[in-house]
Amino acid sequence: MRRGSSGLSCLLAIDKPSGPSSHDVVNRLRRILSERRVGHAGTLDPAATGVLVVGVGQATRLLGMLALDDKRYDARIAFGTSTDTDDAEGEAVREAAVPARLAQPAVARAALAALEGPCDQVPPAYSAISVDGRRAYDRARSGEKVELATRRVTIHETRLKAVEMGTPLIWDCSFHVSKGTYVRSIARDLGESLGTAAHLCELRRISSGPIGLDHCTTLAELELLGTKGAVGRALDPVGALMLPRHELDAHELEAVAAGRRIACRPVMDPVSGTRLPRDGERVCLTSGQRLMGVWEVRGERLACVSNFPQGIMGVRS
């Protein structure tokens, strides 16, 4: 086994606490699991909490394949002040009176409903987007003026949970959004559209694709249980990929290990059940409780896209 390799290969969902960055979580897991190969999908800001999907060992190679396009968040938006980061971590840059009508739940619901659908969104200046090889937040922190291009995103659904009276006035909301959507930008733009100022004061990711809080473990739990705890909390990689499954027999397993193409046969689709795979479709190759590869249908054969010789653990029957 290579130095810095624990032999553990799995996907984990961490309920990230407020404070550490997503990279801090990765570094902590490297120490807990004695594994240098750890990465994450879908960055959360330091102050944000909730679902952070992590790959360990060979499972880091799955992170770019995961079906995590849709995200769900609980968010609290404070009115009356905007900040340079568009959240509570930043410095106040503008204060504005809050119209009395914004305390009415009916007004809040209507304003949130108006956000639903595709839109062009400007990401926060303090974001991890790369600009000429440097992170936008690095440029912003050094005093540079950061102007980011708009990106097309979709706000699928909004919901008002409560209006909290006081100073500041707060809307407690939930959002279902597409990949790449910044809830901080939603808060900023909402304030401007309502004739005031606003910022995001709290954010919790409820789900990332099919992975929700009920799939999560905590860093504290893993500190206590170590590698055995990680094995017990491993995500089903087939479920996370949302791909059909082909269970290998002994002869196929040998062929796959050598990278040789194998014949197509019916697969188990997580939605429609047993069916024939479609040309060009990707398929999970499994052996018992391990994912051995992600292969692609080419004519009547399956060809290798990515192989995992060690096997990624966590596959459920």
C-alpha atoms as a PDB file:
ATOM      1  CA  MET A   1       0.000   0.000   0.000  1.00  0.00           C
ATOM      2  CA  ARG A   2       1.354   3.434  -0.904  1.00  0.00           C
ATOM      3  CA  ARG A   3       2.449   5.832   1.790  1.00  0.00           C
ATOM      4  CA  GLY A   4      -0.491   7.986   2.812  1.00  0.00           C
ATOM      5  CA  SER A   5      -3.018   5.439   1.556  1.00  0.00           C
ATOM      6  CA  SER A   6      -5.355   3.812   4.072  1.00  0.00           C
ATOM      7  CA  GLY A   7      -6.905   1.346   1.627  1.00  0.00           C
ATOM      8  CA  LEU A   8     -10.269   3.011   2.222  1.00  0.00           C
ATOM      9  CA  SER A   9     -12.278   3.933  -0.881  1.00  0.00           C
ATOM     10  CA  CYS A  10     -15.754   5.356  -0.343  1.00  0.00           C
ATOM     11  CA  LEU A  11     -18.049   8.338  -0.642  1.00  0.00           C
ATOM     12  CA  LEU A  12     -19.114  10.125   2.532  1.00  0.00           C
ATOM     13  CA  ALA A  13     -21.665  12.839   3.210  1.00  0.00           C
ATOM     14  CA  ILE A  14     -20.503  15.191   5.944  1.00  0.00           C
ATOM     15  CA  ASP A  15     -22.834  17.500   7.838  1.00  0.00           C
ATOM     16  CA  LYS A  16     -20.411  20.395   7.682  1.00  0.00           C
ATOM     17  CA  PRO A  17     -20.382  22.638  10.764  1.00  0.00           C
ATOM     18  CA  SER A  18     -20.184  26.424  10.626  1.00  0.00           C
ATOM     19  CA  GLY A  19     -16.633  27.751  10.756  1.00  0.00           C
ATOM     20  CA  PRO A  20     -14.284  25.533   8.759  1.00  0.00           C
ATOM     21  CA  SER A  21     -13.984  25.866   5.001  1.00  0.00           C
ATOM     22  CA  SER A  22     -14.726  22.889   2.761  1.00  0.00           C
ATOM     23  CA  HIS A  23     -10.961  22.459   2.345  1.00  0.00           C
ATOM     24  CA  ASP A  24     -10.551  22.470   6.130  1.00  0.00           C
ATOM     25  CA  VAL A  25     -13.031  19.581   6.296  1.00  0.00           C
ATOM     26  CA  VAL A  26     -10.966  17.667   3.727  1.00  0.00           C
ATOM     27  CA  ASN A  27      -7.755  18.235   5.705  1.00  0.00           C
ATOM     28  CA  ARG A  28      -9.398  17.075   8.896  1.00  0.00           C
ATOM     29  CA  LEU A  29     -10.654  13.905   7.216  1.00  0.00           C
ATOM     30  CA  ARG A  30      -7.165  13.204   5.908  1.00  0.00           C
ATOM     31  CA  ARG A  31      -5.950  13.149   9.498  1.00  0.00           C
ATOM     32  CA  ILE A  32      -8.901  11.160  10.864  1.00  0.00           C
ATOM     33  CA  LEU A  33      -8.737   8.492   8.155  1.00  0.00           C
ATOM     34  CA  SER A  34      -4.957   8.496   7.594  1.00  0.00           C
ATOM     35  CA  GLU A  35      -5.657   8.943   3.886  1.00  0.00           C
ATOM     36  CA  ARG A  36      -4.166  11.691   1.744  1.00  0.00           C
ATOM     37  CA  ARG A  37      -6.564  11.113  -1.168  1.00  0.00           C
ATOM     38  CA  VAL A  38      -9.617  13.043  -0.005  1.00  0.00           C
ATOM     39  CA  GLY A  39     -11.596  15.578  -2.025  1.00  0.00           C
ATOM     40  CA  HIS A  40     -15.000  17.244  -1.986  1.00  0.00           C
ATOM     41  CA  ALA A  41     -17.759  18.127  -4.450  1.00  0.00           C
ATOM     42  CA  GLY A  42     -19.792  21.349  -4.231  1.00  0.00           C
ATOM     43  CA  THR A  43     -18.038  23.910  -2.037  1.00  0.00           C
ATOM     44  CA  LEU A  44     -19.785  25.362   1.021  1.00  0.00           C
ATOM     45  CA  ASP A  45     -18.738  28.734   2.448  1.00  0.00           C
ATOM     46  CA  PRO A  46     -17.150  28.602   5.928  1.00  0.00           C
ATOM     47  CA  ALA A  47     -20.254  30.006   7.657  1.00  0.00           C
ATOM     48  CA  ALA A  48     -22.596  27.607   5.827  1.00  0.00           C
ATOM     49  CA  THR A  49     -23.566  24.189   7.181  1.00  0.00           C
ATOM     50  CA  GLY A  50     -25.030  21.001   5.797  1.00  0.00           C
ATOM     51  CA  VAL A  51     -24.412  18.415   3.106  1.00  0.00           C
ATOM     52  CA  LEU A  52     -20.838  18.223   1.817  1.00  0.00           C
ATOM     53  CA  VAL A  53     -20.096  15.178  -0.338  1.00  0.00           C
ATOM     54  CA  VAL A  54     -16.566  13.828   0.068  1.00  0.00           C
ATOM     55  CA  GLY A  55     -14.602  11.196  -1.822  1.00  0.00           C
ATOM     56  CA  VAL A  56     -11.965   9.059  -0.077  1.00  0.00           C
ATOM     57  CA  GLY A  57      -9.288   7.025  -1.856  1.00  0.00           C
ATOM     58  CA  GLN A  58     -10.286   5.898  -5.336  1.00  0.00           C
ATOM     59  CA  ALA A  59     -13.718   7.479  -4.797  1.00  0.00           C
ATOM     60  CA  THR A  60     -12.159  10.909  -5.395  1.00  0.00           C
ATOM     61  CA  ARG A  61     -12.353   9.937  -9.074  1.00  0.00           C
ATOM     62  CA  LEU A  62     -16.148   9.749  -8.800  1.00  0.00           C
ATOM     63  CA  LEU A  63     -16.599  13.348  -7.659  1.00  0.00           C
ATOM     64  CA  GLY A  64     -16.781  14.774 -11.179  1.00  0.00           C
ATOM     65  CA  MET A  65     -19.314  12.117 -12.226  1.00  0.00           C
ATOM     66  CA  LEU A  66     -21.839  12.592  -9.430  1.00  0.00           C
ATOM     67  CA  ALA A  67     -25.369  13.735 -10.224  1.00  0.00           C
ATOM     68  CA  LEU A  68     -25.330  16.720  -7.850  1.00  0.00           C
ATOM     69  CA  ASP A  69     -26.756  19.385 -10.162  1.00  0.00           C
ATOM     70  CA  ASP A  70     -29.774  20.277  -7.992  1.00  0.00           C
ATOM     71  CA  LYS A  71     -29.282  21.693  -4.504  1.00  0.00           C
ATOM     72  CA  ARG A  72     -31.738  22.483  -1.692  1.00  0.00           C
ATOM     73  CA  TYR A  73     -31.044  25.067   0.985  1.00  0.00           C
ATOM     74  CA  ASP A  74     -32.602  26.586   4.067  1.00  0.00           C
ATOM     75  CA  ALA A  75     -31.643  30.252   4.166  1.00  0.00           C
ATOM     76  CA  ARG A  76     -32.210  33.302   6.318  1.00  0.00           C
ATOM     77  CA  ILE A  77     -32.146  36.682   4.601  1.00  0.00           C
ATOM     78  CA  ALA A  78     -31.671  39.863   6.642  1.00  0.00           C
ATOM     79  CA  PHE A  79     -32.960  43.174   5.263  1.00  0.00           C
ATOM     80  CA  GLY A  80     -31.569  46.655   5.761  1.00  0.00           C
ATOM     81  CA  THR A  81     -27.857  46.085   5.148  1.00  0.00           C
ATOM     82  CA  SER A  82     -25.750  44.815   2.261  1.00  0.00           C
ATOM     83  CA  THR A  83     -22.203  43.531   2.734  1.00  0.00           C
ATOM     84  CA  ASP A  84     -19.133  43.179   0.532  1.00  0.00           C
ATOM     85  CA  THR A  85     -19.412  39.370   0.690  1.00  0.00           C
ATOM     86  CA  ASP A  86     -23.230  39.295   0.419  1.00  0.00           C
ATOM     87  CA  ASP A  87     -23.379  37.389   3.711  1.00  0.00           C
ATOM     88  CA  ALA A  88     -22.942  38.054   7.418  1.00  0.00           C
ATOM     89  CA  GLU A  89     -19.185  37.404   7.280  1.00  0.00           C
ATOM     90  CA  GLY A  90     -18.511  40.597   5.334  1.00  0.00           C
ATOM     91  CA  GLU A  91     -18.292  44.285   6.088  1.00  0.00           C
ATOM     92  CA  ALA A  92     -21.418  46.415   5.726  1.00  0.00           C
ATOM     93  CA  VAL A  93     -21.237  48.532   2.585  1.00  0.00           C
ATOM     94  CA  ARG A  94     -24.744  50.011   2.469  1.00  0.00           C
ATOM     95  CA  GLU A  95     -27.692  50.518   4.770  1.00  0.00           C
ATOM     96  CA  ALA A  96     -31.217  51.233   3.594  1.00  0.00           C
ATOM     97  CA  ALA A  97     -34.659  51.633   5.085  1.00  0.00           C
ATOM     98  CA  VAL A  98     -36.806  48.499   4.965  1.00  0.00           C
ATOM     99  CA  PRO A  99     -40.292  49.083   3.507  1.00  0.00           C
ATOM    100  CA  ALA A 100     -43.002  48.136   6.009  1.00  0.00           C
ATOM    101  CA  ARG A 101     -44.720  45.906   3.443  1.00  0.00           C
ATOM    102  CA  LEU A 102     -41.818  43.415   3.611  1.00  0.00           C
ATOM    103  CA  ALA A 103     -43.067  42.313   7.035  1.00  0.00           C
ATOM    104  CA  GLN A 104     -46.201  40.915   5.392  1.00  0.00           C
ATOM    105  CA  PRO A 105     -45.945  37.167   4.625  1.00  0.00           C
ATOM    106  CA  ALA A 106     -48.072  37.555   1.490  1.00  0.00           C
ATOM    107  CA  VAL A 107     -45.631  40.125   0.106  1.00  0.00           C
ATOM    108  CA  ALA A 108     -42.681  37.914   0.972  1.00  0.00           C
ATOM    109  CA  ARG A 109     -44.242  34.877  -0.716  1.00  0.00           C
ATOM    110  CA  ALA A 110     -45.007  36.854  -3.868  1.00  0.00           C
ATOM    111  CA  ALA A 111     -41.465  38.271  -4.029  1.00  0.00           C
ATOM    112  CA  LEU A 112     -39.934  34.824  -3.636  1.00  0.00           C
ATOM    113  CA  ALA A 113     -42.292  33.268  -6.192  1.00  0.00           C
ATOM    114  CA  ALA A 114     -41.228  35.932  -8.703  1.00  0.00           C
ATOM    115  CA  LEU A 115     -37.677  34.591  -8.522  1.00  0.00           C
ATOM    116  CA  GLU A 116     -38.615  31.136  -9.815  1.00  0.00           C
ATOM    117  CA  GLY A 117     -37.388  30.106 -13.242  1.00  0.00           C
ATOM    118  CA  PRO A 118     -34.211  30.631 -15.286  1.00  0.00           C
ATOM    119  CA  CYS A 119     -32.271  33.833 -14.659  1.00  0.00           C
ATOM    120  CA  ASP A 120     -28.890  35.463 -15.243  1.00  0.00           C
ATOM    121  CA  GLN A 121     -27.065  35.745 -11.928  1.00  0.00           C
ATOM    122  CA  VAL A 122     -23.869  37.622 -11.035  1.00  0.00           C
ATOM    123  CA  PRO A 123     -21.834  35.549  -8.542  1.00  0.00           C
ATOM    124  CA  PRO A 124     -20.519  37.270  -5.389  1.00  0.00           C
ATOM    125  CA  ALA A 125     -17.170  39.033  -5.727  1.00  0.00           C
ATOM    126  CA  TYR A 126     -15.983  36.932  -2.786  1.00  0.00           C
ATOM    127  CA  SER A 127     -16.361  33.534  -4.471  1.00  0.00           C
ATOM    128  CA  ALA A 128     -14.099  30.683  -5.544  1.00  0.00           C
ATOM    129  CA  ILE A 129     -14.539  31.439  -9.255  1.00  0.00           C
ATOM    130  CA  SER A 130     -11.199  31.663 -11.044  1.00  0.00           C
ATOM    131  CA  VAL A 131     -10.388  34.947 -12.795  1.00  0.00           C
ATOM    132  CA  ASP A 132      -7.216  34.838 -14.920  1.00  0.00           C
ATOM    133  CA  GLY A 133      -5.837  32.063 -12.766  1.00  0.00           C
ATOM    134  CA  ARG A 134      -6.677  33.604  -9.394  1.00  0.00           C
ATOM    135  CA  ARG A 135      -9.692  33.064  -7.150  1.00  0.00           C
ATOM    136  CA  ALA A 136     -12.121  35.959  -7.145  1.00  0.00           C
ATOM    137  CA  TYR A 137     -12.002  36.130  -3.344  1.00  0.00           C
ATOM    138  CA  ASP A 138      -8.203  36.529  -3.429  1.00  0.00           C
ATOM    139  CA  ARG A 139      -8.544  39.477  -5.799  1.00  0.00           C
ATOM    140  CA  ALA A 140     -11.330  41.021  -3.698  1.00  0.00           C
ATOM    141  CA  ARG A 141      -9.350  40.653  -0.466  1.00  0.00           C
ATOM    142  CA  SER A 142      -6.343  42.375  -2.034  1.00  0.00           C
ATOM    143  CA  GLY A 143      -8.506  45.384  -2.837  1.00  0.00           C
ATOM    144  CA  GLU A 144      -9.057  44.737  -6.539  1.00  0.00           C
ATOM    145  CA  LYS A 145     -12.416  45.515  -8.083  1.00  0.00           C
ATOM    146  CA  VAL A 146     -13.885  42.187  -9.168  1.00  0.00           C
ATOM    147  CA  GLU A 147     -16.414  42.077 -11.971  1.00  0.00           C
ATOM    148  CA  LEU A 148     -17.720  38.591 -12.695  1.00  0.00           C
ATOM    149  CA  ALA A 149     -19.707  37.572 -15.741  1.00  0.00           C
ATOM    150  CA  THR A 150     -23.336  36.592 -15.319  1.00  0.00           C
ATOM    151  CA  ARG A 151     -24.187  32.909 -15.434  1.00  0.00           C
ATOM    152  CA  ARG A 152     -27.443  31.239 -16.377  1.00  0.00           C
ATOM    153  CA  VAL A 153     -28.979  29.441 -13.399  1.00  0.00           C
ATOM    154  CA  THR A 154     -32.424  28.194 -12.463  1.00  0.00           C
ATOM    155  CA  ILE A 155     -34.332  28.724  -9.250  1.00  0.00           C
ATOM    156  CA  HIS A 156     -36.683  25.751  -9.347  1.00  0.00           C
ATOM    157  CA  GLU A 157     -38.715  26.465  -6.230  1.00  0.00           C
ATOM    158  CA  THR A 158     -38.903  28.924  -3.332  1.00  0.00           C
ATOM    159  CA  ARG A 159     -40.773  28.746  -0.066  1.00  0.00           C
ATOM    160  CA  LEU A 160     -41.290  31.187   2.780  1.00  0.00           C
ATOM    161  CA  LYS A 161     -41.120  29.461   6.151  1.00  0.00           C
ATOM    162  CA  ALA A 162     -41.502  32.532   8.373  1.00  0.00           C
ATOM    163  CA  VAL A 163     -41.084  36.295   8.613  1.00  0.00           C
ATOM    164  CA  GLU A 164     -39.204  37.228  11.759  1.00  0.00           C
ATOM    165  CA  MET A 165     -39.987  40.717  13.005  1.00  0.00           C
ATOM    166  CA  GLY A 166     -37.272  42.827  14.573  1.00  0.00           C
ATOM    167  CA  THR A 167     -34.084  44.595  13.632  1.00  0.00           C
ATOM    168  CA  PRO A 168     -33.115  43.289  11.206  1.00  0.00           C
ATOM    169  CA  LEU A 169     -36.251  41.948   9.548  1.00  0.00           C
ATOM    170  CA  ILE A 170     -35.520  38.355   8.467  1.00  0.00           C
ATOM    171  CA  TRP A 171     -37.135  36.082   5.940  1.00  0.00           C
ATOM    172  CA  ASP A 172     -36.691  32.391   6.747  1.00  0.00           C
ATOM    173  CA  CYS A 173     -36.806  30.659   3.343  1.00  0.00           C
ATOM    174  CA  SER A 174     -36.009  27.492   1.449  1.00  0.00           C
ATOM    175  CA  PHE A 175     -34.664  27.260  -2.096  1.00  0.00           C
ATOM    176  CA  HIS A 176     -34.357  24.498  -4.678  1.00  0.00           C
ATOM    177  CA  VAL A 177     -31.786  25.648  -7.234  1.00  0.00           C
ATOM    178  CA  SER A 178     -29.588  24.449 -10.075  1.00  0.00           C
ATOM    179  CA  LYS A 179     -25.863  23.830  -9.890  1.00  0.00           C
ATOM    180  CA  GLY A 180     -23.834  27.052  -9.768  1.00  0.00           C
ATOM    181  CA  THR A 181     -26.540  29.145  -8.082  1.00  0.00           C
ATOM    182  CA  TYR A 182     -25.340  31.395  -5.255  1.00  0.00           C
ATOM    183  CA  VAL A 183     -27.914  31.926  -2.516  1.00  0.00           C
ATOM    184  CA  ARG A 184     -25.839  34.927  -1.403  1.00  0.00           C
ATOM    185  CA  SER A 185     -26.547  36.506  -4.783  1.00  0.00           C
ATOM    186  CA  ILE A 186     -30.252  35.706  -4.418  1.00  0.00           C
ATOM    187  CA  ALA A 187     -30.295  37.601  -1.114  1.00  0.00           C
ATOM    188  CA  ARG A 188     -28.369  40.568  -2.542  1.00  0.00           C
ATOM    189  CA  ASP A 189     -30.554  40.836  -5.643  1.00  0.00           C
ATOM    190  CA  LEU A 190     -33.752  40.384  -3.651  1.00  0.00           C
ATOM    191  CA  GLY A 191     -32.887  43.379  -1.482  1.00  0.00           C
ATOM    192  CA  GLU A 192     -32.177  45.534  -4.515  1.00  0.00           C
ATOM    193  CA  SER A 193     -35.374  44.486  -6.303  1.00  0.00           C
ATOM    194  CA  LEU A 194     -37.457  45.386  -3.225  1.00  0.00           C
ATOM    195  CA  GLY A 195     -35.979  48.864  -2.862  1.00  0.00           C
ATOM    196  CA  THR A 196     -33.765  48.131   0.126  1.00  0.00           C
ATOM    197  CA  ALA A 197     -30.585  46.208   0.964  1.00  0.00           C
ATOM    198  CA  ALA A 198     -30.186  42.602   2.093  1.00  0.00           C
ATOM    199  CA  HIS A 199     -27.646  39.911   2.810  1.00  0.00           C
ATOM    200  CA  LEU A 200     -27.629  36.212   3.605  1.00  0.00           C
ATOM    201  CA  CYS A 201     -27.294  35.728   7.352  1.00  0.00           C
ATOM    202  CA  GLU A 202     -27.516  31.927   7.554  1.00  0.00           C
ATOM    203  CA  LEU A 203     -27.338  29.030   5.093  1.00  0.00           C
ATOM    204  CA  ARG A 204     -27.790  25.277   5.457  1.00  0.00           C
ATOM    205  CA  ARG A 205     -27.569  22.857   2.525  1.00  0.00           C
ATOM    206  CA  ILE A 206     -30.343  20.302   2.921  1.00  0.00           C
ATOM    207  CA  SER A 207     -29.470  18.162  -0.090  1.00  0.00           C
ATOM    208  CA  SER A 208     -27.025  17.871  -2.956  1.00  0.00           C
ATOM    209  CA  GLY A 209     -28.573  15.864  -5.769  1.00  0.00           C
ATOM    210  CA  PRO A 210     -29.976  12.652  -4.228  1.00  0.00           C
ATOM    211  CA  ILE A 211     -27.855  13.015  -1.068  1.00  0.00           C
ATOM    212  CA  GLY A 212     -29.567  14.587   1.943  1.00  0.00           C
ATOM    213  CA  LEU A 213     -28.935  15.270   5.598  1.00  0.00           C
ATOM    214  CA  ASP A 214     -30.198  11.797   6.500  1.00  0.00           C
ATOM    215  CA  HIS A 215     -27.159  10.387   4.656  1.00  0.00           C
ATOM    216  CA  CYS A 216     -24.721  12.532   6.616  1.00  0.00           C
ATOM    217  CA  THR A 217     -22.288  11.838   9.387  1.00  0.00           C
ATOM    218  CA  THR A 218     -20.359  14.423  11.401  1.00  0.00           C
ATOM    219  CA  LEU A 219     -16.662  15.048  11.813  1.00  0.00           C
ATOM    220  CA  ALA A 220     -17.068  14.440  15.545  1.00  0.00           C
ATOM    221  CA  GLU A 221     -18.548  10.990  14.885  1.00  0.00           C
ATOM    222  CA  LEU A 222     -15.701  10.086  12.558  1.00  0.00           C
ATOM    223  CA  GLU A 223     -13.138  11.384  15.065  1.00  0.00           C
ATOM    224  CA  LEU A 224     -14.602   8.929  17.549  1.00  0.00           C
ATOM    225  CA  LEU A 225     -15.081   5.922  15.242  1.00  0.00           C
ATOM    226  CA  GLY A 226     -12.239   6.390  12.747  1.00  0.00           C
ATOM    227  CA  THR A 227     -11.987   4.224   9.642  1.00  0.00           C
ATOM    228  CA  LYS A 228     -14.565   1.709  10.880  1.00  0.00           C
ATOM    229  CA  GLY A 229     -17.043   4.536  11.293  1.00  0.00           C
ATOM    230  CA  ALA A 230     -16.371   5.707   7.750  1.00  0.00           C
ATOM    231  CA  VAL A 231     -17.010   2.227   6.355  1.00  0.00           C
ATOM    232  CA  GLY A 232     -20.309   2.032   8.215  1.00  0.00           C
ATOM    233  CA  ARG A 233     -21.405   5.451   6.957  1.00  0.00           C
ATOM    234  CA  ALA A 234     -20.285   5.049   3.331  1.00  0.00           C
ATOM    235  CA  LEU A 235     -22.748   6.237   0.701  1.00  0.00           C
ATOM    236  CA  ASP A 236     -23.988   3.852  -1.967  1.00  0.00           C
ATOM    237  CA  PRO A 237     -21.876   5.007  -4.958  1.00  0.00           C
ATOM    238  CA  VAL A 238     -24.401   3.592  -7.453  1.00  0.00           C
ATOM    239  CA  GLY A 239     -27.192   5.602  -5.837  1.00  0.00           C
ATOM    240  CA  ALA A 240     -25.026   8.729  -5.800  1.00  0.00           C
ATOM    241  CA  LEU A 241     -24.205   8.329  -9.495  1.00  0.00           C
ATOM    242  CA  MET A 242     -27.857   7.589 -10.353  1.00  0.00           C
ATOM    243  CA  LEU A 243     -26.779   5.142 -13.055  1.00  0.00           C
ATOM    244  CA  PRO A 244     -28.056   1.652 -13.913  1.00  0.00           C
ATOM    245  CA  ARG A 245     -26.180  -1.284 -12.425  1.00  0.00           C
ATOM    246  CA  HIS A 246     -24.594  -4.346 -14.039  1.00  0.00           C
ATOM    247  CA  GLU A 247     -23.586  -7.029 -11.508  1.00  0.00           C
ATOM    248  CA  LEU A 248     -20.453  -8.832 -12.699  1.00  0.00           C
ATOM    249  CA  ASP A 249     -20.072 -12.585 -12.737  1.00  0.00           C
ATOM    250  CA  ALA A 250     -16.657 -14.158 -12.098  1.00  0.00           C
ATOM    251  CA  HIS A 251     -15.631 -14.261 -15.792  1.00  0.00           C
ATOM    252  CA  GLU A 252     -16.705 -10.647 -16.360  1.00  0.00           C
ATOM    253  CA  LEU A 253     -14.853  -9.510 -13.239  1.00  0.00           C
ATOM    254  CA  GLU A 254     -11.630 -10.977 -14.619  1.00  0.00           C
ATOM    255  CA  ALA A 255     -12.193  -9.327 -18.006  1.00  0.00           C
ATOM    256  CA  VAL A 256     -13.013  -5.956 -16.456  1.00  0.00           C
ATOM    257  CA  ALA A 257      -9.866  -6.052 -14.307  1.00  0.00           C
ATOM    258  CA  ALA A 258      -7.877  -6.419 -17.549  1.00  0.00           C
ATOM    259  CA  GLY A 259      -9.844  -3.663 -19.286  1.00  0.00           C
ATOM    260  CA  ARG A 260     -11.407  -6.006 -21.831  1.00  0.00           C
ATOM    261  CA  ARG A 261     -14.858  -5.150 -23.160  1.00  0.00           C
ATOM    262  CA  ILE A 262     -17.754  -7.292 -22.032  1.00  0.00           C
ATOM    263  CA  ALA A 263     -21.132  -8.047 -23.568  1.00  0.00           C
ATOM    264  CA  CYS A 264     -24.153  -5.920 -22.721  1.00  0.00           C
ATOM    265  CA  ARG A 265     -27.002  -7.567 -20.879  1.00  0.00           C
ATOM    266  CA  PRO A 266     -29.995  -6.253 -18.910  1.00  0.00           C
ATOM    267  CA  VAL A 267     -29.150  -3.771 -16.159  1.00  0.00           C
ATOM    268  CA  MET A 268     -30.990  -2.737 -12.997  1.00  0.00           C
ATOM    269  CA  ASP A 269     -32.248   0.834 -13.377  1.00  0.00           C
ATOM    270  CA  PRO A 270     -32.934   2.639 -10.046  1.00  0.00           C
ATOM    271  CA  VAL A 271     -36.175   4.067 -11.467  1.00  0.00           C
ATOM    272  CA  SER A 272     -37.574   1.670 -14.067  1.00  0.00           C
ATOM    273  CA  GLY A 273     -36.177  -1.682 -12.909  1.00  0.00           C
ATOM    274  CA  THR A 274     -34.595  -4.278 -15.185  1.00  0.00           C
ATOM    275  CA  ARG A 275     -34.079  -3.113 -18.772  1.00  0.00           C
ATOM    276  CA  LEU A 276     -31.600  -3.209 -21.649  1.00  0.00           C
ATOM    277  CA  PRO A 277     -28.945  -0.458 -21.565  1.00  0.00           C
ATOM    278  CA  ARG A 278     -28.981   2.243 -24.250  1.00  0.00           C
ATOM    279  CA  ASP A 279     -26.133   2.984 -26.651  1.00  0.00           C
ATOM    280  CA  GLY A 280     -23.818   5.632 -25.185  1.00  0.00           C
ATOM    281  CA  GLU A 281     -25.230   5.197 -21.674  1.00  0.00           C
ATOM    282  CA  ARG A 282     -22.941   4.838 -18.671  1.00  0.00           C
ATOM    283  CA  VAL A 283     -23.358   1.825 -16.401  1.00  0.00           C
ATOM    284  CA  CYS A 284     -22.045   0.975 -12.930  1.00  0.00           C
ATOM    285  CA  LEU A 285     -20.225  -2.358 -12.787  1.00  0.00           C
ATOM    286  CA  THR A 286     -20.533  -3.911  -9.335  1.00  0.00           C
ATOM    287  CA  SER A 287     -19.286  -6.975  -7.549  1.00  0.00           C
ATOM    288  CA  GLY A 288     -21.126  -7.570  -4.301  1.00  0.00           C
ATOM    289  CA  GLN A 289     -20.877  -4.407  -2.205  1.00  0.00           C
ATOM    290  CA  ARG A 290     -18.193  -2.756  -4.322  1.00  0.00           C
ATOM    291  CA  LEU A 291     -18.281  -0.550  -7.420  1.00  0.00           C
ATOM    292  CA  MET A 292     -15.597  -1.846  -9.771  1.00  0.00           C
ATOM    293  CA  GLY A 293     -16.015   0.568 -12.652  1.00  0.00           C
ATOM    294  CA  VAL A 294     -18.112   2.988 -14.647  1.00  0.00           C
ATOM    295  CA  TRP A 295     -18.343   1.750 -18.227  1.00  0.00           C
ATOM    296  CA  GLU A 296     -20.131   2.932 -21.353  1.00  0.00           C
ATOM    297  CA  VAL A 297     -22.371   1.125 -23.816  1.00  0.00           C
ATOM    298  CA  ARG A 298     -20.804   1.004 -27.276  1.00  0.00           C
ATOM    299  CA  GLY A 299     -22.945  -1.001 -29.602  1.00  0.00           C
ATOM    300  CA  GLU A 300     -23.426  -4.426 -28.015  1.00  0.00           C
ATOM    301  CA  ARG A 301     -20.425  -4.131 -25.683  1.00  0.00           C
ATOM    302  CA  LEU A 302     -19.457  -2.255 -22.537  1.00  0.00           C
ATOM    303  CA  ALA A 303     -16.196  -0.274 -22.705  1.00  0.00           C
ATOM    304  CA  CYS A 304     -14.184   1.200 -19.849  1.00  0.00           C
ATOM    305  CA  VAL A 305     -14.615   4.826 -18.817  1.00  0.00           C
ATOM    306  CA  SER A 306     -13.078   4.419 -15.370  1.00  0.00           C
ATOM    307  CA  ASN A 307     -11.984   1.332 -13.427  1.00  0.00           C
ATOM    308  CA  PHE A 308     -11.584   0.996  -9.647  1.00  0.00           C
ATOM    309  CA  PRO A 309      -9.351  -2.052  -9.078  1.00  0.00           C
ATOM    310  CA  GLN A 310      -9.686  -1.836  -5.305  1.00  0.00           C
ATOM    311  CA  GLY A 311     -13.447  -1.375  -5.519  1.00  0.00           C
ATOM    312  CA  ILE A 312     -15.402   1.498  -4.022  1.00  0.00           C
ATOM    313  CA  MET A 313     -17.333   0.230  -1.033  1.00  0.00           C
ATOM    314  CA  GLY A 314     -20.900   0.922   0.016  1.00  0.00           C
ATOM    315  CA  VAL A 315     -22.980  -0.635  -2.780  1.00  0.00           C
ATOM    316  CA  ARG A 316     -26.403  -1.693  -1.495  1.00  0.00           C
ATOM    317  CA  SER A 317     -28.370  -4.569  -2.982  1.00  0.00           C
END
